[in-house]
C-alpha atoms as a PDB file:
ATOM      1  CA  PRO A   1       0.000   0.000   0.000  1.00  0.00           C
ATOM      2  CA  PRO A   2       1.198   3.559  -0.651  1.00  0.00           C
ATOM      3  CA  LEU A   3       2.775   5.333   2.314  1.00  0.00           C
ATOM      4  CA  GLN A   4       0.631   7.836   4.177  1.00  0.00           C
ATOM      5  CA  ASN A   5       1.900  11.436   4.293  1.00  0.00           C
ATOM      6  CA  ALA A   6       3.047  11.071   7.891  1.00  0.00           C
ATOM      7  CA  GLU A   7       5.270   8.117   6.964  1.00  0.00           C
ATOM      8  CA  LEU A   8       7.001   9.751   3.995  1.00  0.00           C
ATOM      9  CA  GLY A   9      10.751   9.665   4.489  1.00  0.00           C
ATOM     10  CA  LYS A  10      10.407   7.617   7.670  1.00  0.00           C
ATOM     11  CA  ARG A  11       9.928   4.287   5.916  1.00  0.00           C
ATOM     12  CA  ALA A  12      11.363   3.019   2.654  1.00  0.00           C
ATOM     13  CA  PRO A  13       8.623   2.960  -0.008  1.00  0.00           C
ATOM     14  CA  ARG A  14       7.731   0.117  -2.383  1.00  0.00           C
ATOM     15  CA  TRP A  15       9.232   1.088  -5.721  1.00  0.00           C
ATOM     16  CA  ILE A  16       6.848   1.014  -8.647  1.00  0.00           C
ATOM     17  CA  ARG A  17       8.710  -0.844 -11.392  1.00  0.00           C
ATOM     18  CA  ASP A  18       9.715   1.088 -14.517  1.00  0.00           C
ATOM     19  CA  ASN A  19       7.737  -1.219 -16.773  1.00  0.00           C
ATOM     20  CA  GLU A  20       4.534  -0.699 -14.794  1.00  0.00           C
ATOM     21  CA  VAL A  21       4.054   2.829 -16.145  1.00  0.00           C
ATOM     22  CA  THR A  22       4.174   4.551 -19.516  1.00  0.00           C
ATOM     23  CA  MET A  23       3.981   8.103 -18.176  1.00  0.00           C
ATOM     24  CA  CYS A  24       5.293  10.228 -15.311  1.00  0.00           C
ATOM     25  CA  MET A  25       3.120   9.516 -12.248  1.00  0.00           C
ATOM     26  CA  LYS A  26       3.113  13.228 -11.340  1.00  0.00           C
ATOM     27  CA  CYS A  27       2.814  15.372 -14.486  1.00  0.00           C
ATOM     28  CA  LYS A  28       1.502  12.533 -16.705  1.00  0.00           C
ATOM     29  CA  GLU A  29       3.907  13.288 -19.562  1.00  0.00           C
ATOM     30  CA  PRO A  30       4.538  10.090 -21.538  1.00  0.00           C
ATOM     31  CA  PHE A  31       8.017   8.603 -21.214  1.00  0.00           C
ATOM     32  CA  ASN A  32       9.900   8.100 -24.422  1.00  0.00           C
ATOM     33  CA  ALA A  33      13.345   6.768 -25.146  1.00  0.00           C
ATOM     34  CA  LEU A  34      14.963  10.102 -25.888  1.00  0.00           C
ATOM     35  CA  THR A  35      13.712  12.868 -23.692  1.00  0.00           C
ATOM     36  CA  ARG A  36      12.179  11.307 -20.631  1.00  0.00           C
ATOM     37  CA  ARG A  37      14.243   9.064 -18.427  1.00  0.00           C
ATOM     38  CA  ARG A  38      12.435   7.395 -15.558  1.00  0.00           C
ATOM     39  CA  HIS A  39      13.457   8.401 -12.025  1.00  0.00           C
ATOM     40  CA  HIS A  40      12.213   7.093  -8.696  1.00  0.00           C
ATOM     41  CA  CYS A  41      11.089   9.317  -5.872  1.00  0.00           C
ATOM     42  CA  ARG A  42      12.978   7.985  -2.844  1.00  0.00           C
ATOM     43  CA  ALA A  43      10.100   8.946  -0.531  1.00  0.00           C
ATOM     44  CA  CYS A  44       6.971   7.542  -2.230  1.00  0.00           C
ATOM     45  CA  GLY A  45       8.535   5.140  -4.742  1.00  0.00           C
ATOM     46  CA  HIS A  46       6.647   6.585  -7.710  1.00  0.00           C
ATOM     47  CA  VAL A  47       8.203   6.706 -11.176  1.00  0.00           C
ATOM     48  CA  VAL A  48       8.593  10.313 -12.316  1.00  0.00           C
ATOM     49  CA  CYS A  49      10.274  12.281 -15.089  1.00  0.00           C
ATOM     50  CA  TRP A  50      13.373  14.419 -14.515  1.00  0.00           C
ATOM     51  CA  LYS A  51      11.342  17.628 -14.148  1.00  0.00           C
ATOM     52  CA  CYS A  52       9.222  16.142 -11.373  1.00  0.00           C
ATOM     53  CA  SER A  53      12.166  14.563  -9.562  1.00  0.00           C
ATOM     54  CA  ASP A  54      14.252  17.697  -9.331  1.00  0.00           C
ATOM     55  CA  TYR A  55      13.885  18.095  -5.552  1.00  0.00           C
ATOM     56  CA  LYS A  56      15.900  16.892  -2.587  1.00  0.00           C
ATOM     57  CA  ALA A  57      14.876  16.243   0.995  1.00  0.00           C
ATOM     58  CA  HIS A  58      16.447  14.633   4.085  1.00  0.00           C
ATOM     59  CA  LEU A  59      14.955  11.147   4.524  1.00  0.00           C
ATOM     60  CA  GLU A  60      14.872   9.685   8.003  1.00  0.00           C
ATOM     61  CA  TYR A  61      15.000   6.046   6.853  1.00  0.00           C
ATOM     62  CA  ASP A  62      18.242   6.786   5.010  1.00  0.00           C
ATOM     63  CA  GLY A  63      20.076   8.305   7.981  1.00  0.00           C
ATOM     64  CA  ASN A  64      18.718  11.780   7.135  1.00  0.00           C
ATOM     65  CA  LYS A  65      20.773  11.900   3.949  1.00  0.00           C
ATOM     66  CA  LEU A  66      19.606  14.145   1.096  1.00  0.00           C
ATOM     67  CA  ASN A  67      17.662  12.112  -1.450  1.00  0.00           C
ATOM     68  CA  LYS A  68      15.939  12.784  -4.758  1.00  0.00           C
ATOM     69  CA  VAL A  69      12.202  13.191  -4.179  1.00  0.00           C
ATOM     70  CA  CYS A  70       9.221  14.307  -6.239  1.00  0.00           C
ATOM     71  CA  LYS A  71       7.625  17.705  -5.846  1.00  0.00           C
ATOM     72  CA  ASP A  72       4.633  16.425  -3.822  1.00  0.00           C
ATOM     73  CA  CYS A  73       6.766  14.561  -1.284  1.00  0.00           C
ATOM     74  CA  TYR A  74       9.140  17.523  -1.052  1.00  0.00           C
ATOM     75  CA  HIS A  75       6.277  19.784   0.043  1.00  0.00           C
ATOM     76  CA  VAL A  76       5.000  17.227   2.554  1.00  0.00           C
ATOM     77  CA  ILE A  77       8.406  16.498   4.058  1.00  0.00           C
ATOM     78  CA  ILE A  78       9.545  20.099   4.420  1.00  0.00           C
ATOM     79  CA  GLY A  79       6.077  20.891   5.732  1.00  0.00           C
ATOM     80  CA  CYS A  80       4.857  23.480   3.263  1.00  0.00           C
ATOM     81  CA  THR A  81       1.514  22.682   1.725  1.00  0.00           C
ATOM     82  CA  ASP A  82       0.576  23.212  -1.858  1.00  0.00           C
ATOM     83  CA  SER A  83      -1.459  26.398  -1.761  1.00  0.00           C
ATOM     84  CA  GLU A  84      -3.967  25.242  -4.316  1.00  0.00           C
ATOM     85  CA  GLU A  85      -6.000  22.227  -3.367  1.00  0.00           C
ATOM     86  CA  LYS A  86      -5.674  19.403  -5.832  1.00  0.00           C
ATOM     87  CA  LYS A  87      -7.728  20.456  -8.786  1.00  0.00           C
ATOM     88  CA  LYS A  88     -10.758  18.308  -9.385  1.00  0.00           C
ATOM     89  CA  LYS A  89      -9.662  15.287 -11.344  1.00  0.00           C
ATOM     90  CA  GLY A  90     -10.863  15.202 -14.917  1.00  0.00           C
ATOM     91  CA  ILE A  91     -12.551  12.050 -16.146  1.00  0.00           C
ATOM     92  CA  LEU A  92      -9.300  10.598 -17.483  1.00  0.00           C
ATOM     93  CA  GLU A  93      -7.356  11.486 -14.343  1.00  0.00           C
ATOM     94  CA  ILE A  94      -8.559   8.549 -12.274  1.00  0.00           C
ATOM     95  CA  GLU A  95      -5.564   6.403 -11.408  1.00  0.00           C
ATOM     96  CA  SER A  96      -5.607   2.925 -12.881  1.00  0.00           C
ATOM     97  CA  ALA A  97      -4.573   1.234  -9.637  1.00  0.00           C
ATOM     98  CA  GLU A  98      -7.456   3.024  -7.904  1.00  0.00           C
ATOM     99  CA  VAL A  99     -10.117   1.798 -10.345  1.00  0.00           C
ATOM    100  CA  SER A 100      -8.579  -1.640 -10.937  1.00  0.00           C
ATOM    101  CA  GLY A 101      -8.750  -2.419  -7.233  1.00  0.00           C
ATOM    102  CA  ASN A 102     -12.453  -1.653  -7.228  1.00  0.00           C
ATOM    103  CA  SER A 103     -13.567  -2.872 -10.613  1.00  0.00           C
ATOM    104  CA  VAL A 104     -16.245  -5.061 -12.082  1.00  0.00           C
ATOM    105  CA  ILE A 105     -13.604  -6.483 -14.416  1.00  0.00           C
ATOM    106  CA  CYS A 106     -10.053  -5.560 -15.452  1.00  0.00           C
ATOM    107  CA  SER A 107      -7.392  -7.205 -17.593  1.00  0.00           C
ATOM    108  CA  PHE A 108      -5.132  -6.619 -20.569  1.00  0.00           C
ATOM    109  CA  LEU A 109      -6.905  -6.660 -23.930  1.00  0.00           C
ATOM    110  CA  GLN A 110      -5.616  -5.972 -27.421  1.00  0.00           C
ATOM    111  CA  TYR A 111      -7.286  -2.862 -28.831  1.00  0.00           C
ATOM    112  CA  MET A 112      -7.648  -1.606 -32.379  1.00  0.00           C
ATOM    113  CA  GLU A 113      -9.213   1.597 -33.624  1.00  0.00           C
ATOM    114  CA  LYS A 114     -10.006   2.208 -37.296  1.00  0.00           C
ATOM    115  CA  SER A 115      -7.055   0.904 -39.307  1.00  0.00           C
ATOM    116  CA  LYS A 116      -4.379   1.461 -36.672  1.00  0.00           C
ATOM    117  CA  PRO A 117      -2.346  -1.575 -35.559  1.00  0.00           C
ATOM    118  CA  TRP A 118      -3.484  -3.646 -32.550  1.00  0.00           C
ATOM    119  CA  GLN A 119      -2.044  -2.425 -29.267  1.00  0.00           C
ATOM    120  CA  LYS A 120      -2.119  -3.835 -25.769  1.00  0.00           C
ATOM    121  CA  ALA A 121      -4.209  -1.833 -23.295  1.00  0.00           C
ATOM    122  CA  TRP A 122      -5.066  -2.309 -19.629  1.00  0.00           C
ATOM    123  CA  CYS A 123      -8.877  -2.197 -19.652  1.00  0.00           C
ATOM    124  CA  VAL A 124     -11.030  -1.558 -16.593  1.00  0.00           C
ATOM    125  CA  ILE A 125     -14.749  -1.227 -15.926  1.00  0.00           C
ATOM    126  CA  PRO A 126     -14.931   0.428 -12.462  1.00  0.00           C
ATOM    127  CA  LYS A 127     -17.705  -0.508 -10.010  1.00  0.00           C
ATOM    128  CA  GLN A 128     -18.706   3.092  -9.415  1.00  0.00           C
ATOM    129  CA  GLU A 129     -19.031   3.641 -13.181  1.00  0.00           C
ATOM    130  CA  ALA A 130     -19.990   0.204 -14.447  1.00  0.00           C
ATOM    131  CA  LEU A 131     -21.127   1.601 -17.802  1.00  0.00           C
ATOM    132  CA  VAL A 132     -17.749   3.091 -18.760  1.00  0.00           C
ATOM    133  CA  LEU A 133     -14.724   1.239 -20.095  1.00  0.00           C
ATOM    134  CA  TYR A 134     -11.405   2.871 -19.131  1.00  0.00           C
ATOM    135  CA  MET A 135      -8.280   2.132 -21.164  1.00  0.00           C
ATOM    136  CA  TYR A 136      -4.781   2.595 -19.737  1.00  0.00           C
ATOM    137  CA  GLY A 137      -1.328   1.996 -21.197  1.00  0.00           C
ATOM    138  CA  ALA A 138      -0.264  -0.021 -18.135  1.00  0.00           C
ATOM    139  CA  PRO A 139      -1.779  -1.100 -14.781  1.00  0.00           C
ATOM    140  CA  GLN A 140      -0.093   1.628 -12.689  1.00  0.00           C
ATOM    141  CA  ASP A 141      -0.691   4.553 -15.034  1.00  0.00           C
ATOM    142  CA  VAL A 142      -2.208   7.622 -13.404  1.00  0.00           C
ATOM    143  CA  LYS A 143      -4.232   8.734 -16.385  1.00  0.00           C
ATOM    144  CA  ALA A 144      -6.453   6.852 -18.814  1.00  0.00           C
ATOM    145  CA  LEU A 145      -5.698   7.009 -22.544  1.00  0.00           C
ATOM    146  CA  ALA A 146      -9.392   6.848 -23.380  1.00  0.00           C
ATOM    147  CA  THR A 147     -12.823   6.089 -21.994  1.00  0.00           C
ATOM    148  CA  ILE A 148     -15.748   4.525 -23.816  1.00  0.00           C
ATOM    149  CA  PRO A 149     -19.245   5.123 -22.398  1.00  0.00           C
ATOM    150  CA  LEU A 150     -20.737   1.716 -23.260  1.00  0.00           C
ATOM    151  CA  LEU A 151     -24.420   2.605 -23.182  1.00  0.00           C
ATOM    152  CA  GLY A 152     -26.023   2.187 -26.594  1.00  0.00           C
ATOM    153  CA  TYR A 153     -23.141   0.411 -28.320  1.00  0.00           C
ATOM    154  CA  ALA A 154     -23.862  -2.677 -30.425  1.00  0.00           C
ATOM    155  CA  VAL A 155     -21.708  -5.711 -29.624  1.00  0.00           C
ATOM    156  CA  ASP A 156     -20.429  -7.903 -32.454  1.00  0.00           C
ATOM    157  CA  ASP A 157     -18.647 -10.961 -31.075  1.00  0.00           C
ATOM    158  CA  THR A 158     -17.978 -12.943 -34.250  1.00  0.00           C
ATOM    159  CA  PRO A 159     -14.410 -12.231 -35.352  1.00  0.00           C
ATOM    160  CA  ARG A 160     -13.706 -12.074 -39.065  1.00  0.00           C
ATOM    161  CA  SER A 161     -10.795 -14.073 -40.442  1.00  0.00           C
ATOM    162  CA  ALA A 162      -8.574 -10.987 -40.508  1.00  0.00           C
ATOM    163  CA  ASP A 163      -9.144 -10.289 -36.787  1.00  0.00           C
ATOM    164  CA  LEU A 164      -7.365 -11.764 -33.803  1.00  0.00           C
ATOM    165  CA  PRO A 165      -9.088 -15.033 -32.738  1.00  0.00           C
ATOM    166  CA  HIS A 166     -10.796 -13.994 -29.462  1.00  0.00           C
ATOM    167  CA  SER A 167     -11.970 -10.592 -30.611  1.00  0.00           C
ATOM    168  CA  PHE A 168     -15.192  -8.602 -30.404  1.00  0.00           C
ATOM    169  CA  LYS A 169     -16.302  -5.199 -31.635  1.00  0.00           C
ATOM    170  CA  LEU A 170     -18.281  -2.331 -30.147  1.00  0.00           C
ATOM    171  CA  THR A 171     -19.990  -0.181 -32.756  1.00  0.00           C
ATOM    172  CA  GLN A 172     -22.098   2.949 -32.553  1.00  0.00           C
ATOM    173  CA  SER A 173     -22.899   4.917 -35.709  1.00  0.00           C
ATOM    174  CA  LYS A 174     -19.434   5.723 -37.075  1.00  0.00           C
ATOM    175  CA  SER A 175     -17.258   4.667 -34.167  1.00  0.00           C
ATOM    176  CA  VAL A 176     -15.947   1.121 -34.049  1.00  0.00           C
ATOM    177  CA  HIS A 177     -13.755  -0.209 -31.243  1.00  0.00           C
ATOM    178  CA  SER A 178     -12.197  -3.648 -31.668  1.00  0.00           C
ATOM    179  CA  PHE A 179     -10.923  -5.668 -28.703  1.00  0.00           C
ATOM    180  CA  ALA A 180      -9.307  -9.075 -28.430  1.00  0.00           C
ATOM    181  CA  ALA A 181      -8.743 -11.203 -25.331  1.00  0.00           C
ATOM    182  CA  ASP A 182      -5.935 -13.735 -24.866  1.00  0.00           C
ATOM    183  CA  ASN A 183      -8.400 -16.608 -24.634  1.00  0.00           C
ATOM    184  CA  GLU A 184     -12.058 -17.431 -25.132  1.00  0.00           C
ATOM    185  CA  GLU A 185     -12.817 -17.607 -21.392  1.00  0.00           C
ATOM    186  CA  LEU A 186     -11.589 -14.059 -20.820  1.00  0.00           C
ATOM    187  CA  LYS A 187     -13.494 -12.829 -23.871  1.00  0.00           C
ATOM    188  CA  GLN A 188     -16.741 -14.314 -22.504  1.00  0.00           C
ATOM    189  CA  LYS A 189     -16.192 -12.673 -19.095  1.00  0.00           C
ATOM    190  CA  TRP A 190     -15.824  -9.276 -20.765  1.00  0.00           C
ATOM    191  CA  LEU A 191     -18.830  -9.866 -23.012  1.00  0.00           C
ATOM    192  CA  LYS A 192     -20.964 -10.795 -19.992  1.00  0.00           C
ATOM    193  CA  VAL A 193     -20.298  -7.370 -18.454  1.00  0.00           C
ATOM    194  CA  ILE A 194     -20.424  -5.422 -21.729  1.00  0.00           C
ATOM    195  CA  HIS A 195     -23.737  -6.956 -22.856  1.00  0.00           C
ATOM    196  CA  LEU A 196     -25.263  -5.609 -19.623  1.00  0.00           C
ATOM    197  CA  ALA A 197     -23.543  -2.217 -19.809  1.00  0.00           C
ATOM    198  CA  VAL A 198     -24.714  -1.415 -23.342  1.00  0.00           C
ATOM    199  CA  LYS A 199     -28.283  -1.808 -22.020  1.00  0.00           C
ATOM    200  CA  GLY A 200     -27.508   0.363 -18.983  1.00  0.00           C
ATOM    201  CA  GLU A 201     -27.398  -2.552 -16.524  1.00  0.00           C
ATOM    202  CA  THR A 202     -24.705  -3.653 -14.085  1.00  0.00           C
ATOM    203  CA  PRO A 203     -23.777  -7.212 -13.048  1.00  0.00           C
ATOM    204  CA  GLU A 204     -25.181  -8.665  -9.825  1.00  0.00           C
ATOM    205  CA  CYS A 205     -22.393 -11.104  -8.997  1.00  0.00           C
ATOM    206  CA  GLU A 206     -19.438  -8.780  -9.372  1.00  0.00           C
ATOM    207  CA  ASN A 207     -16.763 -10.758  -7.573  1.00  0.00           C
ATOM    208  CA  GLU A 208     -16.961 -13.657 -10.023  1.00  0.00           C
ATOM    209  CA  LEU A 209     -15.565 -11.394 -12.690  1.00  0.00           C
ATOM    210  CA  GLN A 210     -12.274 -10.379 -11.140  1.00  0.00           C
ATOM    211  CA  VAL A 211      -9.556 -11.253 -13.641  1.00  0.00           C
ATOM    212  CA  ASN A 212      -5.903 -11.010 -12.729  1.00  0.00           C
END
């Protein structure tokens, strides 16, 4: 579990692994090979870009030595609060870990839009918004790449020969979203939830659907 504010710097954090994120966990800028190296905040363990890791604070668990920390932890540890309260999170700003832990269903799916190539996405339907599909680049990302409000979509679950084997499509007028699961069982679990959501219903037996 993430460290509480009072524990920052007093206990060593769990480090989020580099490959668990595709963007800075503070400013949400995507990492890319050239300009954005990944750094770890030594207080909270989050993966951040160089701009957001450009702070230093004395950490008790490391013998009060100066360590690289992110901006948020810096303010907490030196005891000055951010004057502006956290701005209200936009719809895409819900952290993946937050919704995945309280979801109707979540797993990796392959995703294809229009004629773009298939790409792997971490897909989540949160309990508190069981009619919306959130798509993230990776399970620990702090911002969704896209959301699809499922209500009113038509579901086509017969893949054509050109598609990946366990695929299904969501279509509504001109927009078509194609998904593919790794196996038939996972595809059926998703379809069970999606068939309800497109009609504006939510599943009764939620815990059966947890997919790791």
